[in-house]
Amino acid sequence: MLVKLTTPSPDWPLLLQTPGGEGMWDGVLFTTDPSCDEADAWVVYEGLARKTTVVCPPSRTILVTGEPPMIKSYPEAFAAQFARVLTCHAMRHGGVISEQQALPWHYGREFDQSGNERFTESYDSLVRSDPFEDKRRLLSIICSTKRKRDGHRKRHEFVSSLEQASLPGLDIFGKGRAKEAAEALKITAQDLKRLGVIDDIVNEPLGGAHRQPDQAIASAGEMIGRILEAFAGVSPDVLRTQRREKFLAIGRSI
């Protein structure tokens, strides 16, 4: 069975959510190829970027909405073209499936300093990973620090109240969450350098050192080499005195 999958963002790598990125799932082949004009079923996520025609049985057309009512509404005339609508919206449509939608993954989506986008995770990388890595406590909450909408703000306030309560057995994950905690505790790399706890900062490759280990090792090696050069000709006694004074100064400055 061939299913065409259409989104307003044709460059989004949806097939990374399938084994091998091949689009095959439980005997069904999904394709995001815009040139595909005939399929056994057609699934449209969110909407269409342009007028599109696909030859398929009308009973096998599905619209999947991606946003909650507080953010976006979907024209009933557009939804009426589909046999079924998977949505959390209240719609006057005979084929509504009122359930949580399956959404595109943002996990592993990263941007470099120039704003270029890349995806560092896939179905395969998640299958190979430890599902409990860094999740050792009783309860985990995933919530970003996004506060653009009223719903975002309420969610952020609720999770922040739990965070401030320091509940035992609670871990909170999400974009911006670790950064906010580090900034509040003054333990960012920049803070530690300013306070004199560390001497310098080695910039990680995009996606983290574990994804580009050779580049990370080379960067660390260059930094160590520069530091060792600065110690050339300095006696051990002087080095020990400088080290002692450095750490005593940290206690005074903090």
C-alpha atoms as a PDB file:
ATOM      1  CA  MET A   1       0.000   0.000   0.000  1.00  0.00           C
ATOM      2  CA  LEU A   2       1.320   3.423  -0.989  1.00  0.00           C
ATOM      3  CA  VAL A   3       0.363   6.475   1.069  1.00  0.00           C
ATOM      4  CA  LYS A   4       1.232   9.970  -0.052  1.00  0.00           C
ATOM      5  CA  LEU A   5       2.054  12.307   2.833  1.00  0.00           C
ATOM      6  CA  THR A   6       1.792  16.030   2.126  1.00  0.00           C
ATOM      7  CA  THR A   7       2.701  18.974   4.378  1.00  0.00           C
ATOM      8  CA  PRO A   8       3.080  22.740   3.846  1.00  0.00           C
ATOM      9  CA  SER A   9       6.809  22.214   4.533  1.00  0.00           C
ATOM     10  CA  PRO A  10       7.943  19.691   1.905  1.00  0.00           C
ATOM     11  CA  ASP A  11      11.586  19.899   3.065  1.00  0.00           C
ATOM     12  CA  TRP A  12      10.763  18.648   6.565  1.00  0.00           C
ATOM     13  CA  PRO A  13      12.404  15.174   6.796  1.00  0.00           C
ATOM     14  CA  LEU A  14       9.360  13.271   8.010  1.00  0.00           C
ATOM     15  CA  LEU A  15      10.693   9.948   6.784  1.00  0.00           C
ATOM     16  CA  LEU A  16      13.450  10.095   9.427  1.00  0.00           C
ATOM     17  CA  GLN A  17      10.651   8.935  11.739  1.00  0.00           C
ATOM     18  CA  THR A  18      10.661   5.552   9.975  1.00  0.00           C
ATOM     19  CA  PRO A  19      13.244   2.715  10.013  1.00  0.00           C
ATOM     20  CA  GLY A  20      16.180   3.573   7.771  1.00  0.00           C
ATOM     21  CA  GLY A  21      14.398   6.746   6.680  1.00  0.00           C
ATOM     22  CA  GLU A  22      12.787   4.645   3.956  1.00  0.00           C
ATOM     23  CA  GLY A  23       9.146   5.479   4.747  1.00  0.00           C
ATOM     24  CA  MET A  24       8.104   1.859   5.333  1.00  0.00           C
ATOM     25  CA  TRP A  25       5.956   1.168   8.399  1.00  0.00           C
ATOM     26  CA  ASP A  26       4.086  -2.072   9.112  1.00  0.00           C
ATOM     27  CA  GLY A  27       3.908  -2.972   5.435  1.00  0.00           C
ATOM     28  CA  VAL A  28       2.760   0.509   4.341  1.00  0.00           C
ATOM     29  CA  LEU A  29       5.044   2.693   2.226  1.00  0.00           C
ATOM     30  CA  PHE A  30       4.801   6.438   2.875  1.00  0.00           C
ATOM     31  CA  THR A  31       6.138   8.918   0.366  1.00  0.00           C
ATOM     32  CA  THR A  32       6.665  12.671   0.618  1.00  0.00           C
ATOM     33  CA  ASP A  33       7.658  12.968  -3.035  1.00  0.00           C
ATOM     34  CA  PRO A  34       5.749  15.986  -4.446  1.00  0.00           C
ATOM     35  CA  SER A  35       5.736  14.412  -7.906  1.00  0.00           C
ATOM     36  CA  CYS A  36       3.693  11.424  -6.707  1.00  0.00           C
ATOM     37  CA  ASP A  37       0.213  11.977  -8.180  1.00  0.00           C
ATOM     38  CA  GLU A  38      -1.368   8.561  -7.591  1.00  0.00           C
ATOM     39  CA  ALA A  39      -1.562   6.575  -4.347  1.00  0.00           C
ATOM     40  CA  ASP A  40      -3.724   4.178  -2.366  1.00  0.00           C
ATOM     41  CA  ALA A  41      -4.333   6.856   0.275  1.00  0.00           C
ATOM     42  CA  TRP A  42      -3.504  10.514   0.833  1.00  0.00           C
ATOM     43  CA  VAL A  43      -2.679  12.073   4.211  1.00  0.00           C
ATOM     44  CA  VAL A  44      -2.373  15.855   4.472  1.00  0.00           C
ATOM     45  CA  TYR A  45      -0.762  17.298   7.583  1.00  0.00           C
ATOM     46  CA  GLU A  46      -1.791  20.888   8.426  1.00  0.00           C
ATOM     47  CA  GLY A  47      -2.618  21.957   4.878  1.00  0.00           C
ATOM     48  CA  LEU A  48      -1.241  22.453   1.389  1.00  0.00           C
ATOM     49  CA  ALA A  49       1.407  24.887   0.215  1.00  0.00           C
ATOM     50  CA  ARG A  50      -0.255  24.982  -3.216  1.00  0.00           C
ATOM     51  CA  LYS A  51      -3.123  23.431  -5.147  1.00  0.00           C
ATOM     52  CA  THR A  52      -2.422  19.707  -5.375  1.00  0.00           C
ATOM     53  CA  THR A  53      -4.171  16.826  -7.125  1.00  0.00           C
ATOM     54  CA  VAL A  54      -3.718  13.178  -6.219  1.00  0.00           C
ATOM     55  CA  VAL A  55      -5.589  10.233  -7.689  1.00  0.00           C
ATOM     56  CA  CYS A  56      -6.725   7.997  -4.804  1.00  0.00           C
ATOM     57  CA  PRO A  57      -9.960   6.558  -3.336  1.00  0.00           C
ATOM     58  CA  PRO A  58     -11.952   9.443  -1.770  1.00  0.00           C
ATOM     59  CA  SER A  59     -12.607   7.302   1.310  1.00  0.00           C
ATOM     60  CA  ARG A  60      -8.866   7.189   1.972  1.00  0.00           C
ATOM     61  CA  THR A  61      -8.204  10.908   2.298  1.00  0.00           C
ATOM     62  CA  ILE A  62      -7.203  12.144   5.754  1.00  0.00           C
ATOM     63  CA  LEU A  63      -6.491  15.610   7.128  1.00  0.00           C
ATOM     64  CA  VAL A  64      -4.349  15.790  10.270  1.00  0.00           C
ATOM     65  CA  THR A  65      -4.385  19.125  12.116  1.00  0.00           C
ATOM     66  CA  GLY A  66      -1.285  20.078  14.052  1.00  0.00           C
ATOM     67  CA  GLU A  67      -2.173  23.114  16.157  1.00  0.00           C
ATOM     68  CA  PRO A  68      -4.599  23.555  19.083  1.00  0.00           C
ATOM     69  CA  PRO A  69      -7.638  25.867  18.786  1.00  0.00           C
ATOM     70  CA  MET A  70      -5.931  28.698  20.691  1.00  0.00           C
ATOM     71  CA  ILE A  71      -3.321  28.994  17.939  1.00  0.00           C
ATOM     72  CA  LYS A  72      -5.024  28.120  14.674  1.00  0.00           C
ATOM     73  CA  SER A  73      -8.378  27.310  13.098  1.00  0.00           C
ATOM     74  CA  TYR A  74      -9.026  25.189  10.006  1.00  0.00           C
ATOM     75  CA  PRO A  75     -11.609  26.227   7.369  1.00  0.00           C
ATOM     76  CA  GLU A  76     -14.504  23.796   7.325  1.00  0.00           C
ATOM     77  CA  ALA A  77     -14.682  24.022   3.546  1.00  0.00           C
ATOM     78  CA  PHE A  78     -11.112  22.759   3.294  1.00  0.00           C
ATOM     79  CA  ALA A  79     -11.703  19.980   5.838  1.00  0.00           C
ATOM     80  CA  ALA A  80     -14.843  18.899   3.974  1.00  0.00           C
ATOM     81  CA  GLN A  81     -12.666  17.617   1.106  1.00  0.00           C
ATOM     82  CA  PHE A  82     -11.374  14.798   3.322  1.00  0.00           C
ATOM     83  CA  ALA A  83     -13.129  11.618   4.393  1.00  0.00           C
ATOM     84  CA  ARG A  84     -11.584  11.729   7.880  1.00  0.00           C
ATOM     85  CA  VAL A  85     -10.088  14.491  10.035  1.00  0.00           C
ATOM     86  CA  LEU A  86      -7.760  13.656  12.902  1.00  0.00           C
ATOM     87  CA  THR A  87      -7.989  16.690  15.175  1.00  0.00           C
ATOM     88  CA  CYS A  88      -8.465  18.113  18.663  1.00  0.00           C
ATOM     89  CA  HIS A  89     -10.788  20.788  17.230  1.00  0.00           C
ATOM     90  CA  ALA A  90     -14.572  20.748  17.433  1.00  0.00           C
ATOM     91  CA  MET A  91     -15.535  20.494  13.754  1.00  0.00           C
ATOM     92  CA  ARG A  92     -18.802  20.021  11.907  1.00  0.00           C
ATOM     93  CA  HIS A  93     -17.514  17.063   9.953  1.00  0.00           C
ATOM     94  CA  GLY A  94     -18.900  13.544   9.786  1.00  0.00           C
ATOM     95  CA  GLY A  95     -15.491  11.890   9.842  1.00  0.00           C
ATOM     96  CA  VAL A  96     -13.814  13.570  12.789  1.00  0.00           C
ATOM     97  CA  ILE A  97     -11.406  11.444  14.830  1.00  0.00           C
ATOM     98  CA  SER A  98     -11.148  13.302  18.139  1.00  0.00           C
ATOM     99  CA  GLU A  99      -7.776  12.155  19.377  1.00  0.00           C
ATOM    100  CA  GLN A 100      -4.281  13.494  19.962  1.00  0.00           C
ATOM    101  CA  GLN A 101      -2.561  13.911  16.633  1.00  0.00           C
ATOM    102  CA  ALA A 102       0.738  12.304  15.697  1.00  0.00           C
ATOM    103  CA  LEU A 103       3.094  15.244  15.258  1.00  0.00           C
ATOM    104  CA  PRO A 104       6.396  15.681  13.392  1.00  0.00           C
ATOM    105  CA  TRP A 105       9.413  15.296  15.620  1.00  0.00           C
ATOM    106  CA  HIS A 106      11.379  18.346  16.669  1.00  0.00           C
ATOM    107  CA  TYR A 107      13.777  16.186  18.647  1.00  0.00           C
ATOM    108  CA  GLY A 108      17.252  16.564  17.186  1.00  0.00           C
ATOM    109  CA  ARG A 109      16.326  19.690  15.230  1.00  0.00           C
ATOM    110  CA  GLU A 110      19.181  22.168  15.541  1.00  0.00           C
ATOM    111  CA  PHE A 111      20.358  25.429  14.043  1.00  0.00           C
ATOM    112  CA  ASP A 112      23.890  26.691  13.629  1.00  0.00           C
ATOM    113  CA  GLN A 113      24.940  30.303  14.201  1.00  0.00           C
ATOM    114  CA  SER A 114      23.979  31.179  10.607  1.00  0.00           C
ATOM    115  CA  GLY A 115      20.464  29.835  11.094  1.00  0.00           C
ATOM    116  CA  ASN A 116      21.004  26.731   8.945  1.00  0.00           C
ATOM    117  CA  GLU A 117      18.788  23.845  10.008  1.00  0.00           C
ATOM    118  CA  ARG A 118      19.774  20.231  10.488  1.00  0.00           C
ATOM    119  CA  PHE A 119      18.318  17.109  12.099  1.00  0.00           C
ATOM    120  CA  THR A 120      20.663  15.014  14.226  1.00  0.00           C
ATOM    121  CA  GLU A 121      18.222  12.328  15.396  1.00  0.00           C
ATOM    122  CA  SER A 122      16.115   9.705  13.651  1.00  0.00           C
ATOM    123  CA  TYR A 123      14.066   6.602  14.331  1.00  0.00           C
ATOM    124  CA  ASP A 124      17.224   4.513  14.045  1.00  0.00           C
ATOM    125  CA  SER A 125      19.262   6.638  16.466  1.00  0.00           C
ATOM    126  CA  LEU A 126      16.451   6.504  19.040  1.00  0.00           C
ATOM    127  CA  VAL A 127      16.158   2.726  18.730  1.00  0.00           C
ATOM    128  CA  ARG A 128      19.911   2.406  19.350  1.00  0.00           C
ATOM    129  CA  SER A 129      19.883   4.745  22.367  1.00  0.00           C
ATOM    130  CA  ASP A 130      19.201   3.971  26.009  1.00  0.00           C
ATOM    131  CA  PRO A 131      15.551   4.958  26.617  1.00  0.00           C
ATOM    132  CA  PHE A 132      16.388   5.782  30.236  1.00  0.00           C
ATOM    133  CA  GLU A 133      19.561   7.767  29.593  1.00  0.00           C
ATOM    134  CA  ASP A 134      19.599  10.830  31.869  1.00  0.00           C
ATOM    135  CA  LYS A 135      16.154   9.844  33.196  1.00  0.00           C
ATOM    136  CA  ARG A 136      16.867   8.278  36.541  1.00  0.00           C
ATOM    137  CA  ARG A 137      14.174   9.850  38.686  1.00  0.00           C
ATOM    138  CA  LEU A 138      10.570   8.939  39.373  1.00  0.00           C
ATOM    139  CA  LEU A 139       8.925  11.530  37.126  1.00  0.00           C
ATOM    140  CA  SER A 140      10.052  13.392  33.992  1.00  0.00           C
ATOM    141  CA  ILE A 141       8.370  16.447  32.496  1.00  0.00           C
ATOM    142  CA  ILE A 142       9.149  17.710  29.010  1.00  0.00           C
ATOM    143  CA  CYS A 143       8.317  21.387  28.592  1.00  0.00           C
ATOM    144  CA  SER A 144      10.130  24.146  26.719  1.00  0.00           C
ATOM    145  CA  THR A 145      10.425  27.700  27.998  1.00  0.00           C
ATOM    146  CA  LYS A 146       8.356  29.025  25.093  1.00  0.00           C
ATOM    147  CA  ARG A 147       5.965  31.779  26.226  1.00  0.00           C
ATOM    148  CA  LYS A 148       4.600  33.210  22.997  1.00  0.00           C
ATOM    149  CA  ARG A 149       0.936  32.335  23.592  1.00  0.00           C
ATOM    150  CA  ASP A 150      -1.280  32.380  26.669  1.00  0.00           C
ATOM    151  CA  GLY A 151      -1.296  28.589  26.755  1.00  0.00           C
ATOM    152  CA  HIS A 152       2.490  28.545  26.560  1.00  0.00           C
ATOM    153  CA  ARG A 153       2.726  30.992  29.463  1.00  0.00           C
ATOM    154  CA  LYS A 154       0.350  29.000  31.660  1.00  0.00           C
ATOM    155  CA  ARG A 155       2.245  25.802  30.922  1.00  0.00           C
ATOM    156  CA  HIS A 156       5.564  27.474  31.686  1.00  0.00           C
ATOM    157  CA  GLU A 157       4.268  28.959  34.953  1.00  0.00           C
ATOM    158  CA  PHE A 158       2.914  25.587  36.107  1.00  0.00           C
ATOM    159  CA  VAL A 159       6.126  23.702  35.345  1.00  0.00           C
ATOM    160  CA  SER A 160       8.244  26.495  36.832  1.00  0.00           C
ATOM    161  CA  SER A 161       6.235  26.273  40.072  1.00  0.00           C
ATOM    162  CA  LEU A 162       7.035  22.559  40.251  1.00  0.00           C
ATOM    163  CA  GLU A 163      10.671  23.318  39.526  1.00  0.00           C
ATOM    164  CA  GLN A 164      10.862  25.921  42.289  1.00  0.00           C
ATOM    165  CA  ALA A 165       9.247  23.530  44.759  1.00  0.00           C
ATOM    166  CA  SER A 166      12.289  21.240  44.352  1.00  0.00           C
ATOM    167  CA  LEU A 167      10.102  18.149  44.443  1.00  0.00           C
ATOM    168  CA  PRO A 168      12.098  14.966  45.041  1.00  0.00           C
ATOM    169  CA  GLY A 169      12.199  12.555  42.142  1.00  0.00           C
ATOM    170  CA  LEU A 170      11.323  15.168  39.515  1.00  0.00           C
ATOM    171  CA  ASP A 171      13.335  15.898  36.356  1.00  0.00           C
ATOM    172  CA  ILE A 172      12.367  18.621  33.883  1.00  0.00           C
ATOM    173  CA  PHE A 173      13.572  18.534  30.306  1.00  0.00           C
ATOM    174  CA  GLY A 174      12.890  20.846  27.384  1.00  0.00           C
ATOM    175  CA  LYS A 175      14.379  23.451  25.092  1.00  0.00           C
ATOM    176  CA  GLY A 176      15.737  26.365  27.112  1.00  0.00           C
ATOM    177  CA  ARG A 177      15.066  24.695  30.458  1.00  0.00           C
ATOM    178  CA  ALA A 178      18.656  23.664  31.212  1.00  0.00           C
ATOM    179  CA  LYS A 179      19.878  27.022  29.961  1.00  0.00           C
ATOM    180  CA  GLU A 180      17.581  28.895  32.362  1.00  0.00           C
ATOM    181  CA  ALA A 181      18.691  26.744  35.295  1.00  0.00           C
ATOM    182  CA  ALA A 182      22.355  27.236  34.456  1.00  0.00           C
ATOM    183  CA  GLU A 183      21.890  30.982  34.165  1.00  0.00           C
ATOM    184  CA  ALA A 184      20.071  31.158  37.509  1.00  0.00           C
ATOM    185  CA  LEU A 185      22.819  29.182  39.241  1.00  0.00           C
ATOM    186  CA  LYS A 186      25.564  31.139  37.447  1.00  0.00           C
ATOM    187  CA  ILE A 187      27.155  27.937  36.153  1.00  0.00           C
ATOM    188  CA  THR A 188      27.195  28.652  32.426  1.00  0.00           C
ATOM    189  CA  ALA A 189      30.586  28.381  30.768  1.00  0.00           C
ATOM    190  CA  GLN A 190      30.640  32.158  30.388  1.00  0.00           C
ATOM    191  CA  ASP A 191      29.881  32.670  34.112  1.00  0.00           C
ATOM    192  CA  LEU A 192      32.597  30.239  35.169  1.00  0.00           C
ATOM    193  CA  LYS A 193      35.145  31.954  32.934  1.00  0.00           C
ATOM    194  CA  ARG A 194      34.175  35.388  34.241  1.00  0.00           C
ATOM    195  CA  LEU A 195      34.510  34.160  37.841  1.00  0.00           C
ATOM    196  CA  GLY A 196      37.902  32.635  37.115  1.00  0.00           C
ATOM    197  CA  VAL A 197      36.824  29.052  37.815  1.00  0.00           C
ATOM    198  CA  ILE A 198      37.896  28.013  34.317  1.00  0.00           C
ATOM    199  CA  ASP A 199      40.561  29.472  32.054  1.00  0.00           C
ATOM    200  CA  ASP A 200      38.853  29.201  28.674  1.00  0.00           C
ATOM    201  CA  ILE A 201      35.979  27.644  26.741  1.00  0.00           C
ATOM    202  CA  VAL A 202      36.265  24.946  24.069  1.00  0.00           C
ATOM    203  CA  ASN A 203      33.385  25.369  21.622  1.00  0.00           C
ATOM    204  CA  GLU A 204      31.505  22.157  20.852  1.00  0.00           C
ATOM    205  CA  PRO A 205      30.795  21.099  17.256  1.00  0.00           C
ATOM    206  CA  LEU A 206      27.206  21.508  16.065  1.00  0.00           C
ATOM    207  CA  GLY A 207      25.078  18.744  17.587  1.00  0.00           C
ATOM    208  CA  GLY A 208      27.497  18.036  20.443  1.00  0.00           C
ATOM    209  CA  ALA A 209      30.928  16.504  20.848  1.00  0.00           C
ATOM    210  CA  HIS A 210      29.502  12.964  20.721  1.00  0.00           C
ATOM    211  CA  ARG A 211      28.304  13.524  17.155  1.00  0.00           C
ATOM    212  CA  GLN A 212      31.586  14.887  15.788  1.00  0.00           C
ATOM    213  CA  PRO A 213      34.213  13.410  18.133  1.00  0.00           C
ATOM    214  CA  ASP A 214      37.189  13.985  15.817  1.00  0.00           C
ATOM    215  CA  GLN A 215      36.448  17.699  15.566  1.00  0.00           C
ATOM    216  CA  ALA A 216      35.842  17.927  19.324  1.00  0.00           C
ATOM    217  CA  ILE A 217      39.127  16.161  20.108  1.00  0.00           C
ATOM    218  CA  ALA A 218      41.029  18.418  17.707  1.00  0.00           C
ATOM    219  CA  SER A 219      39.529  21.576  19.281  1.00  0.00           C
ATOM    220  CA  ALA A 220      40.348  20.384  22.796  1.00  0.00           C
ATOM    221  CA  GLY A 221      43.872  19.469  21.720  1.00  0.00           C
ATOM    222  CA  GLU A 222      44.474  22.910  20.257  1.00  0.00           C
ATOM    223  CA  MET A 223      43.273  24.552  23.461  1.00  0.00           C
ATOM    224  CA  ILE A 224      45.459  22.342  25.675  1.00  0.00           C
ATOM    225  CA  GLY A 225      48.443  23.045  23.440  1.00  0.00           C
ATOM    226  CA  ARG A 226      48.005  26.808  23.778  1.00  0.00           C
ATOM    227  CA  ILE A 227      47.708  26.542  27.582  1.00  0.00           C
ATOM    228  CA  LEU A 228      50.808  24.360  27.901  1.00  0.00           C
ATOM    229  CA  GLU A 229      52.784  26.814  25.799  1.00  0.00           C
ATOM    230  CA  ALA A 230      51.931  29.555  28.318  1.00  0.00           C
ATOM    231  CA  PHE A 231      53.468  27.422  31.092  1.00  0.00           C
ATOM    232  CA  ALA A 232      56.755  26.871  29.259  1.00  0.00           C
ATOM    233  CA  GLY A 233      59.676  27.946  31.410  1.00  0.00           C
ATOM    234  CA  VAL A 234      57.588  28.398  34.593  1.00  0.00           C
ATOM    235  CA  SER A 235      58.967  26.509  37.594  1.00  0.00           C
ATOM    236  CA  PRO A 236      56.809  24.007  39.538  1.00  0.00           C
ATOM    237  CA  ASP A 237      56.967  26.169  42.671  1.00  0.00           C
ATOM    238  CA  VAL A 238      55.621  29.189  40.790  1.00  0.00           C
ATOM    239  CA  LEU A 239      52.877  27.082  39.207  1.00  0.00           C
ATOM    240  CA  ARG A 240      51.764  25.759  42.598  1.00  0.00           C
ATOM    241  CA  THR A 241      51.698  29.294  44.029  1.00  0.00           C
ATOM    242  CA  GLN A 242      49.680  30.595  41.068  1.00  0.00           C
ATOM    243  CA  ARG A 243      47.213  27.709  41.372  1.00  0.00           C
ATOM    244  CA  ARG A 244      46.730  28.303  45.085  1.00  0.00           C
ATOM    245  CA  GLU A 245      46.169  32.035  44.572  1.00  0.00           C
ATOM    246  CA  LYS A 246      43.737  31.365  41.755  1.00  0.00           C
ATOM    247  CA  PHE A 247      41.418  29.170  43.820  1.00  0.00           C
ATOM    248  CA  LEU A 248      41.621  31.429  46.856  1.00  0.00           C
ATOM    249  CA  ALA A 249      40.594  34.319  44.614  1.00  0.00           C
ATOM    250  CA  ILE A 250      37.577  32.367  43.377  1.00  0.00           C
ATOM    251  CA  GLY A 251      36.207  32.099  46.906  1.00  0.00           C
ATOM    252  CA  ARG A 252      36.647  35.816  47.482  1.00  0.00           C
ATOM    253  CA  SER A 253      35.087  36.918  44.167  1.00  0.00           C
ATOM    254  CA  ILE A 254      32.036  34.645  44.392  1.00  0.00           C
END
